[in-house]
Amino acid sequence: MKKLLTLLVFTVVATATLSLTACGTTVTEVEQAELNQGWYYGYEASPKTGTPEDWIWLEDESAGKSKWIEPPVTEMLDY
C-alpha cells in the first residue's frame, strides 16, 4: 500500500509539473544582468522570481514585447 501511495504522489507531482511547463507558467529567476539593465521582457501574470517589488509592468501592444521595468528606467524610454 505504501509503494502504491508513493507512486501515486510521484505521478501527481510529475503531471502537475508537466502541465505548468506546457502552459508556459514556469517562473524563472530574474538574472543579475536583467537587474543591472533595469528591465526584462515578460508577461504581467508571471513576473520572474526575485523581481524587485517597485518594478512595474509595461504593456507594448504594438511591438508585442511587454516588459517588467525599474521605475527610473521608464523616464528614459521612448514609449
PDB file of N, CA and C in Angstrom:
ATOM      1  N   MET A   1       0.823  -1.189   0.000  1.00  0.00           N
ATOM      2  CA  MET A   1       0.000   0.000   0.000  1.00  0.00           C
ATOM      3  C   MET A   1       0.870   1.257   0.000  1.00  0.00           C
ATOM      4  N   LYS A   2       1.982   1.243   0.792  1.00  0.00           N
ATOM      5  CA  LYS A   2       2.863   2.404   0.874  1.00  0.00           C
ATOM      6  C   LYS A   2       3.519   2.693  -0.478  1.00  0.00           C
ATOM      7  N   LYS A   3       3.913   1.638  -1.209  1.00  0.00           N
ATOM      8  CA  LYS A   3       4.522   1.828  -2.525  1.00  0.00           C
ATOM      9  C   LYS A   3       3.514   2.408  -3.507  1.00  0.00           C
ATOM     10  N   LEU A   4       2.279   1.983  -3.422  1.00  0.00           N
ATOM     11  CA  LEU A   4       1.232   2.493  -4.302  1.00  0.00           C
ATOM     12  C   LEU A   4       0.985   3.970  -4.027  1.00  0.00           C
ATOM     13  N   LEU A   5       0.944   4.352  -2.773  1.00  0.00           N
ATOM     14  CA  LEU A   5       0.738   5.750  -2.401  1.00  0.00           C
ATOM     15  C   LEU A   5       1.915   6.609  -2.880  1.00  0.00           C
ATOM     16  N   THR A   6       3.131   6.120  -2.710  1.00  0.00           N
ATOM     17  CA  THR A   6       4.318   6.840  -3.168  1.00  0.00           C
ATOM     18  C   THR A   6       4.279   7.025  -4.679  1.00  0.00           C
ATOM     19  N   LEU A   7       3.913   5.999  -5.400  1.00  0.00           N
ATOM     20  CA  LEU A   7       3.813   6.074  -6.853  1.00  0.00           C
ATOM     21  C   LEU A   7       2.729   7.056  -7.275  1.00  0.00           C
ATOM     22  N   LEU A   8       1.622   7.064  -6.575  1.00  0.00           N
ATOM     23  CA  LEU A   8       0.530   7.980  -6.878  1.00  0.00           C
ATOM     24  C   LEU A   8       0.958   9.430  -6.655  1.00  0.00           C
ATOM     25  N   VAL A   9       1.617   9.700  -5.550  1.00  0.00           N
ATOM     26  CA  VAL A   9       2.086  11.057  -5.251  1.00  0.00           C
ATOM     27  C   VAL A   9       3.095  11.495  -6.307  1.00  0.00           C
ATOM     28  N   PHE A  10       4.017  10.637  -6.663  1.00  0.00           N
ATOM     29  CA  PHE A  10       5.007  10.959  -7.687  1.00  0.00           C
ATOM     30  C   PHE A  10       4.327  11.282  -9.014  1.00  0.00           C
ATOM     31  N   THR A  11       3.337  10.500  -9.388  1.00  0.00           N
ATOM     32  CA  THR A  11       2.610  10.713 -10.642  1.00  0.00           C
ATOM     33  C   THR A  11       1.882  12.049 -10.642  1.00  0.00           C
ATOM     34  N   VAL A  12       1.248  12.386  -9.540  1.00  0.00           N
ATOM     35  CA  VAL A  12       0.524  13.658  -9.443  1.00  0.00           C
ATOM     36  C   VAL A  12       1.495  14.830  -9.551  1.00  0.00           C
ATOM     37  N   VAL A  13       2.620  14.769  -8.856  1.00  0.00           N
ATOM     38  CA  VAL A  13       3.613  15.849  -8.904  1.00  0.00           C
ATOM     39  C   VAL A  13       4.197  15.975 -10.306  1.00  0.00           C
ATOM     40  N   ALA A  14       4.530  14.871 -10.928  1.00  0.00           N
ATOM     41  CA  ALA A  14       5.093  14.907 -12.280  1.00  0.00           C
ATOM     42  C   ALA A  14       4.089  15.475 -13.273  1.00  0.00           C
ATOM     43  N   THR A  15       2.839  15.085 -13.163  1.00  0.00           N
ATOM     44  CA  THR A  15       1.791  15.586 -14.053  1.00  0.00           C
ATOM     45  C   THR A  15       1.589  17.081 -13.864  1.00  0.00           C
ATOM     46  N   ALA A  16       1.562  17.530 -12.627  1.00  0.00           N
ATOM     47  CA  ALA A  16       1.385  18.958 -12.347  1.00  0.00           C
ATOM     48  C   ALA A  16       2.552  19.763 -12.900  1.00  0.00           C
ATOM     49  N   THR A  17       3.758  19.247 -12.756  1.00  0.00           N
ATOM     50  CA  THR A  17       4.938  19.933 -13.281  1.00  0.00           C
ATOM     51  C   THR A  17       4.883  20.031 -14.794  1.00  0.00           C
ATOM     52  N   LEU A  18       4.523  18.959 -15.448  1.00  0.00           N
ATOM     53  CA  LEU A  18       4.412  18.975 -16.911  1.00  0.00           C
ATOM     54  C   LEU A  18       3.318  19.922 -17.366  1.00  0.00           C
ATOM     55  N   SER A  19       2.211  19.952 -16.648  1.00  0.00           N
ATOM     56  CA  SER A  19       1.111  20.843 -17.008  1.00  0.00           C
ATOM     57  C   SER A  19       1.521  22.296 -16.902  1.00  0.00           C
ATOM     58  N   LEU A  20       2.197  22.655 -15.833  1.00  0.00           N
ATOM     59  CA  LEU A  20       2.639  24.035 -15.664  1.00  0.00           C
ATOM     60  C   LEU A  20       3.628  24.429 -16.748  1.00  0.00           C
ATOM     61  N   THR A  21       4.539  23.533 -17.067  1.00  0.00           N
ATOM     62  CA  THR A  21       5.520  23.818 -18.108  1.00  0.00           C
ATOM     63  C   THR A  21       4.833  23.953 -19.457  1.00  0.00           C
ATOM     64  N   ALA A  22       3.879  23.101 -19.750  1.00  0.00           N
ATOM     65  CA  ALA A  22       3.176  23.142 -21.026  1.00  0.00           C
ATOM     66  C   ALA A  22       2.339  24.402 -21.179  1.00  0.00           C
ATOM     67  N   CYS A  23       1.834  24.921 -20.076  1.00  0.00           N
ATOM     68  CA  CYS A  23       1.014  26.136 -20.111  1.00  0.00           C
ATOM     69  C   CYS A  23       1.856  27.388 -20.177  1.00  0.00           C
ATOM     70  N   GLY A  24       3.150  27.263 -20.081  1.00  0.00           N
ATOM     71  CA  GLY A  24       4.014  28.419 -20.134  1.00  0.00           C
ATOM     72  C   GLY A  24       4.023  29.224 -18.844  1.00  0.00           C
ATOM     73  N   THR A  25       3.651  28.602 -17.744  1.00  0.00           N
ATOM     74  CA  THR A  25       3.605  29.335 -16.487  1.00  0.00           C
ATOM     75  C   THR A  25       4.821  29.069 -15.617  1.00  0.00           C
ATOM     76  N   THR A  26       5.848  28.484 -16.203  1.00  0.00           N
ATOM     77  CA  THR A  26       7.052  28.242 -15.436  1.00  0.00           C
ATOM     78  C   THR A  26       7.686  29.588 -15.085  1.00  0.00           C
ATOM     79  N   VAL A  27       7.927  29.813 -13.830  1.00  0.00           N
ATOM     80  CA  VAL A  27       8.511  31.064 -13.374  1.00  0.00           C
ATOM     81  C   VAL A  27      10.008  30.852 -13.207  1.00  0.00           C
ATOM     82  N   THR A  28      10.792  31.755 -13.779  1.00  0.00           N
ATOM     83  CA  THR A  28      12.238  31.646 -13.664  1.00  0.00           C
ATOM     84  C   THR A  28      12.766  32.759 -12.768  1.00  0.00           C
ATOM     85  N   GLU A  29      13.996  32.633 -12.392  1.00  0.00           N
ATOM     86  CA  GLU A  29      14.662  33.618 -11.533  1.00  0.00           C
ATOM     87  C   GLU A  29      15.151  34.781 -12.393  1.00  0.00           C
ATOM     88  N   VAL A  30      14.945  36.004 -11.918  1.00  0.00           N
ATOM     89  CA  VAL A  30      15.452  37.171 -12.633  1.00  0.00           C
ATOM     90  C   VAL A  30      16.982  37.120 -12.578  1.00  0.00           C
ATOM     91  N   GLU A  31      17.624  37.392 -13.708  1.00  0.00           N
ATOM     92  CA  GLU A  31      19.083  37.303 -13.787  1.00  0.00           C
ATOM     93  C   GLU A  31      19.729  38.616 -13.371  1.00  0.00           C
ATOM     94  N   GLN A  32      20.959  38.525 -12.899  1.00  0.00           N
ATOM     95  CA  GLN A  32      21.685  39.719 -12.466  1.00  0.00           C
ATOM     96  C   GLN A  32      21.828  40.721 -13.611  1.00  0.00           C
ATOM     97  N   ALA A  33      22.050  40.251 -14.817  1.00  0.00           N
ATOM     98  CA  ALA A  33      22.177  41.145 -15.979  1.00  0.00           C
ATOM     99  C   ALA A  33      20.888  41.929 -16.207  1.00  0.00           C
ATOM    100  N   GLU A  34      19.730  41.286 -15.992  1.00  0.00           N
ATOM    101  CA  GLU A  34      18.439  41.958 -16.146  1.00  0.00           C
ATOM    102  C   GLU A  34      18.245  43.011 -15.052  1.00  0.00           C
ATOM    103  N   LEU A  35      18.675  42.683 -13.840  1.00  0.00           N
ATOM    104  CA  LEU A  35      18.601  43.652 -12.750  1.00  0.00           C
ATOM    105  C   LEU A  35      19.499  44.850 -13.047  1.00  0.00           C
ATOM    106  N   ASN A  36      20.676  44.584 -13.600  1.00  0.00           N
ATOM    107  CA  ASN A  36      21.608  45.661 -13.919  1.00  0.00           C
ATOM    108  C   ASN A  36      21.065  46.585 -15.009  1.00  0.00           C
ATOM    109  N   GLN A  37      20.421  46.012 -16.032  1.00  0.00           N
ATOM    110  CA  GLN A  37      19.896  46.847 -17.113  1.00  0.00           C
ATOM    111  C   GLN A  37      18.585  47.527 -16.730  1.00  0.00           C
ATOM    112  N   GLY A  38      17.901  46.984 -15.717  1.00  0.00           N
ATOM    113  CA  GLY A  38      16.697  47.623 -15.214  1.00  0.00           C
ATOM    114  C   GLY A  38      15.404  47.184 -15.867  1.00  0.00           C
ATOM    115  N   TRP A  39      15.423  46.103 -16.647  1.00  0.00           N
ATOM    116  CA  TRP A  39      14.199  45.601 -17.258  1.00  0.00           C
ATOM    117  C   TRP A  39      14.417  44.201 -17.839  1.00  0.00           C
ATOM    118  N   TYR A  40      13.290  43.524 -18.127  1.00  0.00           N
ATOM    119  CA  TYR A  40      13.311  42.270 -18.884  1.00  0.00           C
ATOM    120  C   TYR A  40      11.937  42.073 -19.514  1.00  0.00           C
ATOM    121  N   TYR A  41      11.897  41.339 -20.635  1.00  0.00           N
ATOM    122  CA  TYR A  41      10.631  41.032 -21.286  1.00  0.00           C
ATOM    123  C   TYR A  41       9.873  40.019 -20.444  1.00  0.00           C
ATOM    124  N   GLY A  42       8.550  40.191 -20.337  1.00  0.00           N
ATOM    125  CA  GLY A  42       7.769  39.234 -19.577  1.00  0.00           C
ATOM    126  C   GLY A  42       6.288  39.559 -19.562  1.00  0.00           C
ATOM    127  N   TYR A  43       5.520  38.601 -19.096  1.00  0.00           N
ATOM    128  CA  TYR A  43       4.068  38.734 -19.002  1.00  0.00           C
ATOM    129  C   TYR A  43       3.669  39.303 -17.649  1.00  0.00           C
ATOM    130  N   GLU A  44       2.572  40.023 -17.622  1.00  0.00           N
ATOM    131  CA  GLU A  44       2.088  40.638 -16.390  1.00  0.00           C
ATOM    132  C   GLU A  44       1.794  39.599 -15.315  1.00  0.00           C
ATOM    133  N   ALA A  45       1.195  38.489 -15.707  1.00  0.00           N
ATOM    134  CA  ALA A  45       0.761  37.478 -14.742  1.00  0.00           C
ATOM    135  C   ALA A  45       1.899  36.621 -14.199  1.00  0.00           C
ATOM    136  N   SER A  46       3.083  36.722 -14.791  1.00  0.00           N
ATOM    137  CA  SER A  46       4.161  35.846 -14.324  1.00  0.00           C
ATOM    138  C   SER A  46       5.509  36.562 -14.271  1.00  0.00           C
ATOM    139  N   PRO A  47       5.650  37.482 -13.317  1.00  0.00           N
ATOM    140  CA  PRO A  47       6.970  38.101 -13.159  1.00  0.00           C
ATOM    141  C   PRO A  47       7.970  37.059 -12.668  1.00  0.00           C
ATOM    142  N   LYS A  48       9.212  37.262 -12.993  1.00  0.00           N
ATOM    143  CA  LYS A  48      10.247  36.329 -12.567  1.00  0.00           C
ATOM    144  C   LYS A  48      10.449  36.425 -11.058  1.00  0.00           C
ATOM    145  N   THR A  49      10.837  35.310 -10.465  1.00  0.00           N
ATOM    146  CA  THR A  49      11.152  35.277  -9.046  1.00  0.00           C
ATOM    147  C   THR A  49      12.338  36.207  -8.803  1.00  0.00           C
ATOM    148  N   GLY A  50      12.218  37.039  -7.794  1.00  0.00           N
ATOM    149  CA  GLY A  50      13.297  37.963  -7.479  1.00  0.00           C
ATOM    150  C   GLY A  50      13.131  39.331  -8.122  1.00  0.00           C
ATOM    151  N   THR A  51      12.021  39.532  -8.855  1.00  0.00           N
ATOM    152  CA  THR A  51      11.759  40.847  -9.429  1.00  0.00           C
ATOM    153  C   THR A  51      11.522  41.828  -8.287  1.00  0.00           C
ATOM    154  N   PRO A  52      12.242  42.949  -8.281  1.00  0.00           N
ATOM    155  CA  PRO A  52      12.038  43.929  -7.205  1.00  0.00           C
ATOM    156  C   PRO A  52      10.587  44.391  -7.131  1.00  0.00           C
ATOM    157  N   GLU A  53      10.105  44.617  -5.930  1.00  0.00           N
ATOM    158  CA  GLU A  53       8.701  44.971  -5.727  1.00  0.00           C
ATOM    159  C   GLU A  53       8.315  46.312  -6.338  1.00  0.00           C
ATOM    160  N   ASP A  54       9.278  47.203  -6.551  1.00  0.00           N
ATOM    161  CA  ASP A  54       8.942  48.509  -7.113  1.00  0.00           C
ATOM    162  C   ASP A  54       8.926  48.515  -8.643  1.00  0.00           C
ATOM    163  N   TRP A  55       9.328  47.401  -9.273  1.00  0.00           N
ATOM    164  CA  TRP A  55       9.286  47.333 -10.732  1.00  0.00           C
ATOM    165  C   TRP A  55       7.833  47.286 -11.188  1.00  0.00           C
ATOM    166  N   ILE A  56       7.580  47.869 -12.354  1.00  0.00           N
ATOM    167  CA  ILE A  56       6.228  47.902 -12.906  1.00  0.00           C
ATOM    168  C   ILE A  56       6.213  47.165 -14.235  1.00  0.00           C
ATOM    169  N   TRP A  57       5.029  46.745 -14.628  1.00  0.00           N
ATOM    170  CA  TRP A  57       4.858  46.042 -15.894  1.00  0.00           C
ATOM    171  C   TRP A  57       4.321  47.028 -16.914  1.00  0.00           C
ATOM    172  N   LEU A  58       4.961  47.101 -18.068  1.00  0.00           N
ATOM    173  CA  LEU A  58       4.527  47.969 -19.154  1.00  0.00           C
ATOM    174  C   LEU A  58       4.113  47.127 -20.343  1.00  0.00           C
ATOM    175  N   GLU A  59       2.909  47.353 -20.821  1.00  0.00           N
ATOM    176  CA  GLU A  59       2.413  46.611 -21.974  1.00  0.00           C
ATOM    177  C   GLU A  59       2.749  47.383 -23.243  1.00  0.00           C
ATOM    178  N   ASP A  60       3.283  46.693 -24.220  1.00  0.00           N
ATOM    179  CA  ASP A  60       3.587  47.291 -25.516  1.00  0.00           C
ATOM    180  C   ASP A  60       2.894  46.458 -26.581  1.00  0.00           C
ATOM    181  N   GLU A  61       1.633  46.788 -26.842  1.00  0.00           N
ATOM    182  CA  GLU A  61       0.835  46.020 -27.799  1.00  0.00           C
ATOM    183  C   GLU A  61       1.374  46.129 -29.217  1.00  0.00           C
ATOM    184  N   SER A  62       1.901  47.271 -29.586  1.00  0.00           N
ATOM    185  CA  SER A  62       2.359  47.461 -30.962  1.00  0.00           C
ATOM    186  C   SER A  62       3.537  46.552 -31.299  1.00  0.00           C
ATOM    187  N   ALA A  63       4.456  46.389 -30.373  1.00  0.00           N
ATOM    188  CA  ALA A  63       5.626  45.549 -30.626  1.00  0.00           C
ATOM    189  C   ALA A  63       5.446  44.138 -30.091  1.00  0.00           C
ATOM    190  N   GLY A  64       4.461  43.940 -29.214  1.00  0.00           N
ATOM    191  CA  GLY A  64       4.238  42.622 -28.629  1.00  0.00           C
ATOM    192  C   GLY A  64       5.344  42.197 -27.684  1.00  0.00           C
ATOM    193  N   LYS A  65       6.024  43.168 -27.102  1.00  0.00           N
ATOM    194  CA  LYS A  65       7.140  42.868 -26.199  1.00  0.00           C
ATOM    195  C   LYS A  65       6.958  43.604 -24.884  1.00  0.00           C
ATOM    196  N   SER A  66       6.051  43.148 -24.055  1.00  0.00           N
ATOM    197  CA  SER A  66       5.801  43.767 -22.768  1.00  0.00           C
ATOM    198  C   SER A  66       6.972  43.521 -21.830  1.00  0.00           C
ATOM    199  N   LYS A  67       7.182  44.451 -20.877  1.00  0.00           N
ATOM    200  CA  LYS A  67       8.362  44.386 -20.029  1.00  0.00           C
ATOM    201  C   LYS A  67       8.015  44.604 -18.560  1.00  0.00           C
ATOM    202  N   TRP A  68       8.843  44.017 -17.714  1.00  0.00           N
ATOM    203  CA  TRP A  68       8.916  44.375 -16.306  1.00  0.00           C
ATOM    204  C   TRP A  68      10.090  45.334 -16.235  1.00  0.00           C
ATOM    205  N   ILE A  69       9.872  46.493 -15.592  1.00  0.00           N
ATOM    206  CA  ILE A  69      10.876  47.543 -15.684  1.00  0.00           C
ATOM    207  C   ILE A  69      11.016  48.330 -14.380  1.00  0.00           C
ATOM    208  N   GLU A  70      12.228  48.764 -14.113  1.00  0.00           N
ATOM    209  CA  GLU A  70      12.517  49.581 -12.941  1.00  0.00           C
ATOM    210  C   GLU A  70      11.974  50.985 -13.188  1.00  0.00           C
ATOM    211  N   PRO A  71      11.231  51.571 -12.261  1.00  0.00           N
ATOM    212  CA  PRO A  71      10.596  52.873 -12.492  1.00  0.00           C
ATOM    213  C   PRO A  71      11.503  53.969 -13.066  1.00  0.00           C
ATOM    214  N   PRO A  72      12.740  54.190 -12.575  1.00  0.00           N
ATOM    215  CA  PRO A  72      13.544  55.260 -13.180  1.00  0.00           C
ATOM    216  C   PRO A  72      13.870  55.023 -14.657  1.00  0.00           C
ATOM    217  N   VAL A  73      13.895  53.760 -15.095  1.00  0.00           N
ATOM    218  CA  VAL A  73      14.191  53.454 -16.492  1.00  0.00           C
ATOM    219  C   VAL A  73      13.053  53.937 -17.391  1.00  0.00           C
ATOM    220  N   THR A  74      11.818  53.956 -16.884  1.00  0.00           N
ATOM    221  CA  THR A  74      10.683  54.380 -17.706  1.00  0.00           C
ATOM    222  C   THR A  74      10.834  55.820 -18.157  1.00  0.00           C
ATOM    223  N   GLU A  75      11.524  56.629 -17.396  1.00  0.00           N
ATOM    224  CA  GLU A  75      11.737  58.022 -17.773  1.00  0.00           C
ATOM    225  C   GLU A  75      12.641  58.144 -18.988  1.00  0.00           C
ATOM    226  N   MET A  76      13.474  57.136 -19.235  1.00  0.00           N
ATOM    227  CA  MET A  76      14.403  57.175 -20.361  1.00  0.00           C
ATOM    228  C   MET A  76      13.814  56.534 -21.621  1.00  0.00           C
ATOM    229  N   LEU A  77      12.687  55.834 -21.489  1.00  0.00           N
ATOM    230  CA  LEU A  77      12.116  55.126 -22.633  1.00  0.00           C
ATOM    231  C   LEU A  77      11.420  56.060 -23.592  1.00  0.00           C
ATOM    232  N   ASP A  78      11.347  55.641 -24.810  1.00  0.00           N
ATOM    233  CA  ASP A  78      10.670  56.393 -25.862  1.00  0.00           C
ATOM    234  C   ASP A  78       9.337  55.739 -26.162  1.00  0.00           C
ATOM    235  N   TYR A  79       8.435  55.638 -25.213  1.00  0.00           N
ATOM    236  CA  TYR A  79       7.150  54.969 -25.445  1.00  0.00           C
ATOM    237  C   TYR A  79       6.179  55.867 -26.098  1.00  0.00           C
TER     238      TYR A  79
END
